[in-house]
């Protein structure tokens, strides 16, 4: 009897505060677990399209400071290209930050390489996303994983993992 092949996807996201002791930061979840996906979950892709998108997971990021502090965030993970991070050997994931609220008001975000304020930004390796000074900052982080179906010729249960840390930076 042949065992069904399965893929288990887990992305570990940690919040690492690097700042003065007057701020506290947290993520609503430190792990995104896609569970077991069987080979049948990856339908044949249209000709020329090899990446399959998995469900988006939404996390909430919160930073609370005793005094108004510039909000500067960076995600440290293994880059797999522009705006994507490596997920095992056959996958990648992106992190989109949006719906930022500073002290009760909607806020715009900028990125080192794109100083134009936007309502949402994608994290990129070694890039900082920032907003204005705040005492209370919240934002949504969407985690979108993709698998390269050309590389998923697996026969046994295989675990795909990625790890990274969000850093809250202080001047």
N, C-alpha and C. Protein backbone atom coordinates (compact mmCIF):
# COMPACT_ATOMS: atom_id res chain seq x y z
N UNK A 1 0.85 -1.17 0.00
CA UNK A 1 0.00 0.00 0.00
C UNK A 1 0.89 1.24 0.00
N UNK A 2 0.59 2.14 -0.85
CA UNK A 2 1.41 3.34 -1.00
C UNK A 2 0.82 4.49 -0.17
N UNK A 3 1.67 5.15 0.60
CA UNK A 3 1.21 6.27 1.43
C UNK A 3 0.95 7.49 0.56
N UNK A 4 -0.02 8.26 0.94
CA UNK A 4 -0.29 9.52 0.24
C UNK A 4 0.80 10.51 0.57
N UNK A 5 1.24 11.23 -0.43
CA UNK A 5 2.25 12.26 -0.17
C UNK A 5 1.55 13.51 0.34
N UNK A 6 2.23 14.21 1.21
CA UNK A 6 1.65 15.42 1.79
C UNK A 6 2.73 16.46 2.00
N UNK A 7 2.31 17.68 1.98
CA UNK A 7 3.19 18.81 2.24
C UNK A 7 2.64 19.52 3.47
N UNK A 8 3.47 19.79 4.43
CA UNK A 8 3.07 20.58 5.59
C UNK A 8 3.85 21.89 5.52
N UNK A 9 3.15 22.99 5.58
CA UNK A 9 3.78 24.30 5.46
C UNK A 9 3.65 25.05 6.77
N UNK A 10 4.78 25.55 7.27
CA UNK A 10 4.79 26.33 8.50
C UNK A 10 5.71 27.52 8.28
N UNK A 11 5.23 28.69 8.60
CA UNK A 11 6.04 29.91 8.55
C UNK A 11 6.08 30.47 9.97
N UNK A 12 7.27 30.64 10.51
CA UNK A 12 7.43 31.19 11.86
C UNK A 12 7.77 32.67 11.74
N UNK A 13 6.99 33.50 12.39
CA UNK A 13 7.20 34.93 12.38
C UNK A 13 7.34 35.39 13.82
N UNK A 14 8.42 36.04 14.13
CA UNK A 14 8.64 36.51 15.48
C UNK A 14 8.76 38.02 15.48
N UNK A 15 8.41 38.65 16.58
CA UNK A 15 8.56 40.09 16.74
C UNK A 15 9.74 40.32 17.64
N UNK A 16 10.74 41.03 17.13
CA UNK A 16 11.94 41.31 17.89
C UNK A 16 12.04 42.81 18.11
N UNK A 17 11.70 43.28 19.30
CA UNK A 17 11.81 44.73 19.53
C UNK A 17 13.27 45.14 19.71
N UNK A 18 13.66 46.16 18.97
CA UNK A 18 15.00 46.73 19.12
C UNK A 18 14.79 48.22 19.30
N UNK A 19 14.64 48.64 20.54
CA UNK A 19 14.30 50.03 20.81
C UNK A 19 14.45 50.32 22.28
N UNK A 20 14.20 51.54 22.63
CA UNK A 20 14.22 51.94 24.04
C UNK A 20 13.08 51.22 24.76
N UNK A 21 13.18 51.15 26.04
CA UNK A 21 12.24 50.36 26.85
C UNK A 21 10.85 50.98 26.95
N UNK A 22 10.57 52.09 26.24
CA UNK A 22 9.27 52.73 26.39
C UNK A 22 8.22 52.24 25.39
N UNK A 23 8.52 51.17 24.64
CA UNK A 23 7.56 50.62 23.67
C UNK A 23 7.42 49.11 23.85
N UNK A 24 6.22 48.63 23.51
CA UNK A 24 5.94 47.20 23.52
C UNK A 24 5.38 46.84 22.16
N UNK A 25 5.81 45.73 21.58
CA UNK A 25 5.31 45.31 20.27
C UNK A 25 4.91 43.85 20.32
N UNK A 26 3.90 43.49 19.50
CA UNK A 26 3.47 42.10 19.47
C UNK A 26 2.74 41.80 18.15
N UNK A 27 2.76 40.52 17.80
CA UNK A 27 2.00 39.98 16.67
C UNK A 27 0.87 39.14 17.22
N UNK A 28 -0.25 39.10 16.51
CA UNK A 28 -1.38 38.29 16.98
C UNK A 28 -1.07 36.80 16.94
N UNK A 29 -0.18 36.37 16.06
CA UNK A 29 0.27 34.99 15.97
C UNK A 29 1.74 34.98 15.64
N UNK A 30 2.48 34.03 16.18
CA UNK A 30 3.90 33.94 15.83
C UNK A 30 4.16 32.84 14.82
N UNK A 31 3.11 32.09 14.46
CA UNK A 31 3.27 30.99 13.52
C UNK A 31 2.09 30.97 12.56
N UNK A 32 2.38 30.78 11.29
CA UNK A 32 1.35 30.59 10.28
C UNK A 32 1.48 29.15 9.81
N UNK A 33 0.46 28.35 10.08
CA UNK A 33 0.52 26.92 9.78
C UNK A 33 -0.54 26.61 8.72
N UNK A 34 -0.09 26.19 7.54
CA UNK A 34 -1.00 25.83 6.46
C UNK A 34 -1.48 24.39 6.58
N UNK A 35 -0.94 23.66 7.54
CA UNK A 35 -1.36 22.28 7.74
C UNK A 35 -0.86 21.37 6.64
N UNK A 36 -1.50 20.21 6.52
CA UNK A 36 -1.10 19.24 5.49
C UNK A 36 -1.89 19.49 4.21
N UNK A 37 -1.18 19.53 3.13
CA UNK A 37 -1.78 19.67 1.81
C UNK A 37 -1.36 18.45 1.00
N UNK A 38 -2.31 17.77 0.40
CA UNK A 38 -2.01 16.59 -0.40
C UNK A 38 -1.81 16.98 -1.85
N UNK A 39 -1.12 16.13 -2.57
CA UNK A 39 -0.78 16.41 -3.96
C UNK A 39 -1.99 16.85 -4.77
N UNK A 40 -3.16 16.32 -4.48
CA UNK A 40 -4.38 16.69 -5.19
C UNK A 40 -4.80 18.13 -4.96
N UNK A 41 -4.23 18.77 -3.92
CA UNK A 41 -4.56 20.17 -3.63
C UNK A 41 -3.88 21.12 -4.61
N UNK A 42 -2.99 20.59 -5.44
CA UNK A 42 -2.25 21.41 -6.39
C UNK A 42 -2.71 21.07 -7.80
N UNK A 43 -3.76 21.72 -8.26
CA UNK A 43 -4.29 21.40 -9.59
C UNK A 43 -3.28 21.75 -10.67
N UNK A 44 -3.45 21.14 -11.83
CA UNK A 44 -2.59 21.47 -12.96
C UNK A 44 -2.71 22.95 -13.25
N UNK A 45 -1.58 23.59 -13.44
CA UNK A 45 -1.55 25.03 -13.69
C UNK A 45 -1.62 25.29 -15.19
N UNK A 46 -2.18 26.45 -15.57
CA UNK A 46 -2.18 26.82 -16.99
C UNK A 46 -0.75 26.85 -17.53
N UNK A 47 -0.61 26.58 -18.79
CA UNK A 47 0.70 26.54 -19.44
C UNK A 47 1.49 27.82 -19.11
N UNK A 48 2.70 27.65 -18.65
CA UNK A 48 3.57 28.78 -18.32
C UNK A 48 3.41 29.31 -16.91
N UNK A 49 2.39 28.87 -16.18
CA UNK A 49 2.20 29.32 -14.80
C UNK A 49 2.55 28.17 -13.87
N UNK A 50 3.57 28.38 -13.05
CA UNK A 50 4.07 27.30 -12.20
C UNK A 50 3.86 27.54 -10.72
N UNK A 51 3.44 28.72 -10.33
CA UNK A 51 3.24 29.01 -8.91
C UNK A 51 1.77 28.87 -8.56
N UNK A 52 1.50 28.23 -7.45
CA UNK A 52 0.14 28.13 -6.96
C UNK A 52 0.06 28.92 -5.66
N UNK A 53 -0.95 29.81 -5.56
CA UNK A 53 -1.15 30.62 -4.37
C UNK A 53 -1.96 29.83 -3.34
N UNK A 54 -1.52 29.89 -2.10
CA UNK A 54 -2.26 29.29 -1.00
C UNK A 54 -3.06 30.38 -0.30
N UNK A 55 -3.94 30.00 0.60
CA UNK A 55 -4.77 30.96 1.31
C UNK A 55 -3.92 32.03 2.00
N UNK A 56 -4.43 33.24 2.03
CA UNK A 56 -3.77 34.33 2.74
C UNK A 56 -4.12 34.26 4.22
N UNK A 57 -3.11 34.42 5.06
CA UNK A 57 -3.32 34.47 6.51
C UNK A 57 -3.09 35.91 6.95
N UNK A 58 -4.00 36.44 7.78
CA UNK A 58 -3.91 37.82 8.24
C UNK A 58 -3.54 37.86 9.72
N UNK A 59 -2.52 38.65 10.03
CA UNK A 59 -2.05 38.85 11.40
C UNK A 59 -2.21 40.32 11.75
N UNK A 60 -2.27 40.61 13.03
CA UNK A 60 -2.32 41.99 13.49
C UNK A 60 -1.03 42.31 14.22
N UNK A 61 -0.42 43.41 13.84
CA UNK A 61 0.79 43.91 14.47
C UNK A 61 0.39 45.11 15.32
N UNK A 62 0.86 45.14 16.56
CA UNK A 62 0.55 46.24 17.47
C UNK A 62 1.83 46.75 18.11
N UNK A 63 1.99 48.06 18.15
CA UNK A 63 3.11 48.70 18.86
C UNK A 63 2.50 49.77 19.75
N UNK A 64 2.83 49.72 21.05
CA UNK A 64 2.35 50.70 22.01
C UNK A 64 3.55 51.33 22.69
N UNK A 65 3.63 52.67 22.61
CA UNK A 65 4.76 53.40 23.19
C UNK A 65 4.25 54.40 24.23
N UNK A 66 5.06 54.69 25.21
CA UNK A 66 4.68 55.66 26.23
C UNK A 66 4.77 57.09 25.72
N UNK A 67 5.66 57.34 24.78
CA UNK A 67 5.79 58.65 24.16
C UNK A 67 5.74 58.48 22.64
N UNK A 68 5.34 59.49 21.88
CA UNK A 68 5.32 59.36 20.42
C UNK A 68 6.69 58.95 19.89
N UNK A 69 6.70 57.89 19.10
CA UNK A 69 7.94 57.29 18.61
C UNK A 69 7.80 57.03 17.11
N UNK A 70 8.85 57.28 16.31
CA UNK A 70 8.78 56.96 14.88
C UNK A 70 8.60 55.45 14.71
N UNK A 71 7.69 55.06 13.84
CA UNK A 71 7.43 53.65 13.57
C UNK A 71 8.28 53.22 12.38
N UNK A 72 9.21 52.30 12.64
CA UNK A 72 10.07 51.77 11.59
C UNK A 72 10.13 50.26 11.77
N UNK A 73 9.73 49.54 10.72
CA UNK A 73 9.65 48.08 10.78
C UNK A 73 10.49 47.46 9.67
N UNK A 74 11.06 46.31 9.99
CA UNK A 74 11.81 45.55 9.00
C UNK A 74 11.52 44.07 9.24
N UNK A 75 11.45 43.29 8.16
CA UNK A 75 11.33 41.84 8.30
C UNK A 75 12.63 41.22 7.86
N UNK A 76 13.22 40.41 8.73
CA UNK A 76 14.46 39.71 8.42
C UNK A 76 14.15 38.25 8.13
N UNK A 77 14.32 37.86 6.89
CA UNK A 77 14.10 36.49 6.45
C UNK A 77 14.98 36.23 5.24
N UNK A 78 15.00 35.00 4.77
CA UNK A 78 15.82 34.64 3.61
C UNK A 78 15.10 35.07 2.34
N UNK A 79 15.72 35.99 1.61
CA UNK A 79 15.13 36.53 0.40
C UNK A 79 15.08 35.46 -0.69
N UNK A 80 13.97 35.47 -1.45
CA UNK A 80 13.82 34.59 -2.61
C UNK A 80 13.64 35.44 -3.87
N UNK A 81 13.87 36.74 -3.76
CA UNK A 81 13.69 37.66 -4.87
C UNK A 81 13.03 38.93 -4.37
N UNK A 82 12.73 39.85 -5.27
CA UNK A 82 12.09 41.09 -4.85
C UNK A 82 10.75 40.83 -4.17
N UNK A 83 10.60 41.34 -2.97
CA UNK A 83 9.34 41.28 -2.21
C UNK A 83 8.89 39.88 -1.81
N UNK A 84 9.75 38.89 -1.89
CA UNK A 84 9.38 37.53 -1.47
C UNK A 84 10.50 36.91 -0.65
N UNK A 85 10.11 35.99 0.23
CA UNK A 85 11.04 35.28 1.10
C UNK A 85 10.91 33.78 0.85
N UNK A 86 11.99 33.07 1.10
CA UNK A 86 12.06 31.63 0.83
C UNK A 86 11.21 30.84 1.82
N UNK A 87 10.48 29.85 1.28
CA UNK A 87 9.70 28.90 2.06
C UNK A 87 10.17 27.51 1.66
N UNK A 88 11.03 26.91 2.48
CA UNK A 88 11.62 25.63 2.12
C UNK A 88 12.42 25.78 0.83
N UNK A 89 12.50 24.72 0.05
CA UNK A 89 13.22 24.78 -1.22
C UNK A 89 12.29 25.02 -2.41
N UNK A 90 11.00 24.78 -2.23
CA UNK A 90 10.08 24.87 -3.35
C UNK A 90 8.99 25.92 -3.18
N UNK A 91 9.22 26.88 -2.31
CA UNK A 91 8.17 27.86 -2.11
C UNK A 91 8.70 29.23 -1.76
N UNK A 92 7.77 30.14 -1.65
CA UNK A 92 8.09 31.51 -1.26
C UNK A 92 6.87 32.11 -0.59
N UNK A 93 7.07 33.21 0.12
CA UNK A 93 5.95 33.91 0.72
C UNK A 93 6.22 35.40 0.71
N UNK A 94 5.14 36.15 0.71
CA UNK A 94 5.25 37.60 0.76
C UNK A 94 4.51 38.10 1.99
N UNK A 95 4.88 39.29 2.42
CA UNK A 95 4.27 39.94 3.58
C UNK A 95 3.82 41.34 3.15
N UNK A 96 2.54 41.57 3.24
CA UNK A 96 1.97 42.88 2.89
C UNK A 96 1.44 43.52 4.16
N UNK A 97 1.85 44.76 4.41
CA UNK A 97 1.35 45.50 5.56
C UNK A 97 0.33 46.52 5.05
N UNK A 98 -0.81 46.60 5.73
CA UNK A 98 -1.87 47.51 5.30
C UNK A 98 -2.73 47.90 6.50
N UNK A 99 -3.69 48.75 6.25
CA UNK A 99 -4.66 49.17 7.27
C UNK A 99 -3.97 49.70 8.53
N UNK A 100 -2.92 50.49 8.34
CA UNK A 100 -2.20 51.06 9.47
C UNK A 100 -3.05 52.13 10.15
N UNK A 101 -3.04 52.11 11.47
CA UNK A 101 -3.75 53.11 12.26
C UNK A 101 -2.79 53.64 13.32
N UNK A 102 -2.64 54.96 13.34
CA UNK A 102 -1.78 55.62 14.31
C UNK A 102 -2.64 56.48 15.21
N UNK A 103 -2.60 56.20 16.49
CA UNK A 103 -3.33 56.97 17.49
C UNK A 103 -4.78 57.22 17.06
N UNK A 104 -5.40 56.18 16.49
CA UNK A 104 -6.81 56.25 16.13
C UNK A 104 -7.13 56.74 14.73
N UNK A 105 -6.12 57.16 13.95
CA UNK A 105 -6.35 57.66 12.60
C UNK A 105 -5.62 56.81 11.57
N UNK A 106 -6.24 56.65 10.40
CA UNK A 106 -5.60 55.90 9.32
C UNK A 106 -4.26 56.54 8.97
N UNK A 107 -3.29 55.70 8.64
CA UNK A 107 -1.93 56.19 8.36
C UNK A 107 -1.41 55.63 7.05
N UNK A 108 -0.50 56.37 6.45
CA UNK A 108 0.18 55.94 5.23
C UNK A 108 1.55 55.39 5.62
N UNK A 109 2.10 54.56 4.72
CA UNK A 109 3.39 53.91 4.96
C UNK A 109 4.34 54.20 3.82
N UNK A 110 5.61 54.34 4.12
CA UNK A 110 6.63 54.51 3.08
C UNK A 110 7.66 53.39 3.22
N UNK A 111 8.45 53.21 2.18
CA UNK A 111 9.49 52.19 2.16
C UNK A 111 10.79 52.85 1.73
N UNK A 112 11.91 52.33 2.20
CA UNK A 112 13.21 52.91 1.87
C UNK A 112 13.36 53.20 0.38
N UNK A 113 12.96 52.24 -0.45
CA UNK A 113 13.15 52.38 -1.89
C UNK A 113 11.99 53.08 -2.58
N UNK A 114 10.93 53.37 -1.84
CA UNK A 114 9.75 54.02 -2.41
C UNK A 114 9.22 55.03 -1.40
N UNK A 115 9.70 56.26 -1.44
CA UNK A 115 9.29 57.25 -0.44
C UNK A 115 7.85 57.76 -0.62
N UNK A 116 7.16 57.32 -1.67
CA UNK A 116 5.77 57.73 -1.88
C UNK A 116 4.89 57.06 -0.83
N UNK A 117 4.17 57.84 -0.01
CA UNK A 117 3.28 57.24 1.00
C UNK A 117 2.18 56.42 0.34
N UNK A 118 1.95 55.22 0.88
CA UNK A 118 0.92 54.33 0.34
C UNK A 118 0.15 53.71 1.50
N UNK A 119 -1.06 53.27 1.19
CA UNK A 119 -1.90 52.62 2.21
C UNK A 119 -1.40 51.23 2.54
N UNK A 120 -0.64 50.61 1.61
CA UNK A 120 -0.06 49.30 1.87
C UNK A 120 1.31 49.20 1.23
N UNK A 121 2.14 48.32 1.78
CA UNK A 121 3.50 48.12 1.29
C UNK A 121 3.84 46.64 1.41
N UNK A 122 4.72 46.17 0.54
CA UNK A 122 5.27 44.83 0.64
C UNK A 122 6.62 44.91 1.34
N UNK A 123 6.87 43.96 2.23
CA UNK A 123 8.19 43.88 2.85
C UNK A 123 9.17 43.29 1.86
N UNK A 124 10.39 43.77 1.89
CA UNK A 124 11.48 43.25 1.08
C UNK A 124 12.68 43.09 2.00
N UNK A 125 13.55 42.17 1.68
CA UNK A 125 14.71 41.91 2.54
C UNK A 125 15.51 43.19 2.75
N UNK A 126 15.84 43.44 3.99
CA UNK A 126 16.68 44.56 4.41
C UNK A 126 16.07 45.94 4.15
N UNK A 127 14.81 46.02 3.81
CA UNK A 127 14.14 47.30 3.61
C UNK A 127 13.33 47.64 4.85
N UNK A 128 13.21 48.93 5.12
CA UNK A 128 12.45 49.41 6.26
C UNK A 128 11.15 50.04 5.78
N UNK A 129 10.07 49.70 6.45
CA UNK A 129 8.77 50.33 6.21
C UNK A 129 8.51 51.23 7.40
N UNK A 130 8.09 52.46 7.12
CA UNK A 130 7.95 53.40 8.23
C UNK A 130 6.70 54.26 8.10
N UNK A 131 6.37 54.85 9.21
CA UNK A 131 5.25 55.76 9.29
C UNK A 131 5.62 56.86 10.27
N UNK A 132 4.69 57.75 10.51
CA UNK A 132 4.96 58.87 11.41
C UNK A 132 5.04 58.42 12.86
N UNK A 133 5.36 59.35 13.73
CA UNK A 133 5.47 59.08 15.17
C UNK A 133 4.11 58.67 15.73
N UNK A 134 4.16 57.75 16.68
CA UNK A 134 2.90 57.27 17.26
C UNK A 134 3.11 56.77 18.67
N UNK A 135 2.04 56.82 19.43
CA UNK A 135 2.01 56.16 20.74
C UNK A 135 1.36 54.79 20.58
N UNK A 136 0.36 54.71 19.69
CA UNK A 136 -0.34 53.45 19.47
C UNK A 136 -0.43 53.21 17.96
N UNK A 137 0.17 52.11 17.49
CA UNK A 137 0.21 51.77 16.07
C UNK A 137 -0.32 50.35 15.90
N UNK A 138 -1.24 50.17 14.97
CA UNK A 138 -1.68 48.83 14.59
C UNK A 138 -1.69 48.74 13.08
N UNK A 139 -1.48 47.54 12.57
CA UNK A 139 -1.53 47.30 11.13
C UNK A 139 -1.81 45.82 10.91
N UNK A 140 -2.31 45.52 9.72
CA UNK A 140 -2.55 44.14 9.33
C UNK A 140 -1.39 43.65 8.48
N UNK A 141 -0.97 42.42 8.73
CA UNK A 141 0.09 41.79 7.94
C UNK A 141 -0.54 40.59 7.24
N UNK A 142 -0.56 40.62 5.92
CA UNK A 142 -1.07 39.49 5.14
C UNK A 142 0.10 38.62 4.70
N UNK A 143 0.02 37.34 5.02
CA UNK A 143 1.04 36.37 4.65
C UNK A 143 0.47 35.57 3.48
N UNK A 144 1.14 35.63 2.33
CA UNK A 144 0.70 34.92 1.13
C UNK A 144 1.80 33.95 0.71
N UNK A 145 1.52 32.65 0.82
CA UNK A 145 2.50 31.62 0.44
C UNK A 145 2.20 31.12 -0.96
N UNK A 146 3.28 30.77 -1.66
CA UNK A 146 3.18 30.20 -3.00
C UNK A 146 4.11 29.00 -3.08
N UNK A 147 3.68 27.98 -3.82
CA UNK A 147 4.52 26.82 -4.05
C UNK A 147 4.76 26.67 -5.54
N UNK A 148 5.97 26.24 -5.89
CA UNK A 148 6.34 25.98 -7.28
C UNK A 148 5.93 24.54 -7.58
N UNK A 149 4.86 24.36 -8.34
CA UNK A 149 4.33 23.03 -8.58
C UNK A 149 5.29 22.15 -9.38
N UNK A 150 6.23 22.75 -10.11
CA UNK A 150 7.21 21.95 -10.86
C UNK A 150 8.15 21.20 -9.92
N UNK A 151 8.29 21.70 -8.70
CA UNK A 151 9.22 21.12 -7.74
C UNK A 151 8.54 20.20 -6.72
N UNK A 152 7.26 19.99 -6.84
CA UNK A 152 6.52 19.23 -5.83
C UNK A 152 6.33 17.76 -6.18
N UNK A 153 7.31 17.15 -6.78
CA UNK A 153 7.24 15.72 -7.07
C UNK A 153 7.72 14.97 -5.84
N UNK A 154 6.91 14.98 -4.81
CA UNK A 154 7.28 14.38 -3.53
C UNK A 154 6.56 13.05 -3.36
N UNK A 155 7.14 12.14 -2.61
CA UNK A 155 6.56 10.82 -2.41
C UNK A 155 6.25 10.55 -0.94
N UNK A 156 6.85 11.29 -0.05
CA UNK A 156 6.61 11.14 1.38
C UNK A 156 6.21 12.48 1.95
N UNK A 157 5.75 12.45 3.18
CA UNK A 157 5.41 13.70 3.84
C UNK A 157 6.65 14.58 3.92
N UNK A 158 6.51 15.82 3.51
CA UNK A 158 7.61 16.77 3.46
C UNK A 158 7.19 18.05 4.18
N UNK A 159 8.07 18.57 5.00
CA UNK A 159 7.78 19.80 5.74
C UNK A 159 8.54 20.96 5.09
N UNK A 160 7.81 22.00 4.75
CA UNK A 160 8.40 23.22 4.22
C UNK A 160 8.31 24.27 5.31
N UNK A 161 9.44 24.83 5.69
CA UNK A 161 9.45 25.81 6.77
C UNK A 161 10.18 27.07 6.33
N UNK A 162 9.81 28.14 6.99
CA UNK A 162 10.52 29.42 6.84
C UNK A 162 10.47 30.09 8.20
N UNK A 163 11.46 30.88 8.47
CA UNK A 163 11.49 31.62 9.73
C UNK A 163 11.97 33.04 9.44
N UNK A 164 11.47 33.96 10.22
CA UNK A 164 11.90 35.34 10.08
C UNK A 164 11.46 36.13 11.28
N UNK A 165 12.02 37.32 11.39
CA UNK A 165 11.68 38.17 12.53
C UNK A 165 11.30 39.56 12.03
N UNK A 166 10.26 40.09 12.64
CA UNK A 166 9.93 41.50 12.46
C UNK A 166 10.75 42.27 13.48
N UNK A 167 11.35 43.34 13.05
CA UNK A 167 12.08 44.21 13.97
C UNK A 167 11.39 45.58 14.00
N UNK A 168 11.17 46.06 15.20
CA UNK A 168 10.69 47.42 15.40
C UNK A 168 11.92 48.23 15.76
N UNK A 169 12.33 49.12 14.87
CA UNK A 169 13.57 49.87 15.04
C UNK A 169 13.31 51.22 15.68
N UNK A 170 14.28 51.70 16.40
CA UNK A 170 14.19 53.00 17.05
C UNK A 170 15.42 53.80 16.68
N UNK A 171 15.23 55.08 16.41
CA UNK A 171 16.38 55.95 16.08
C UNK A 171 17.31 56.06 17.26
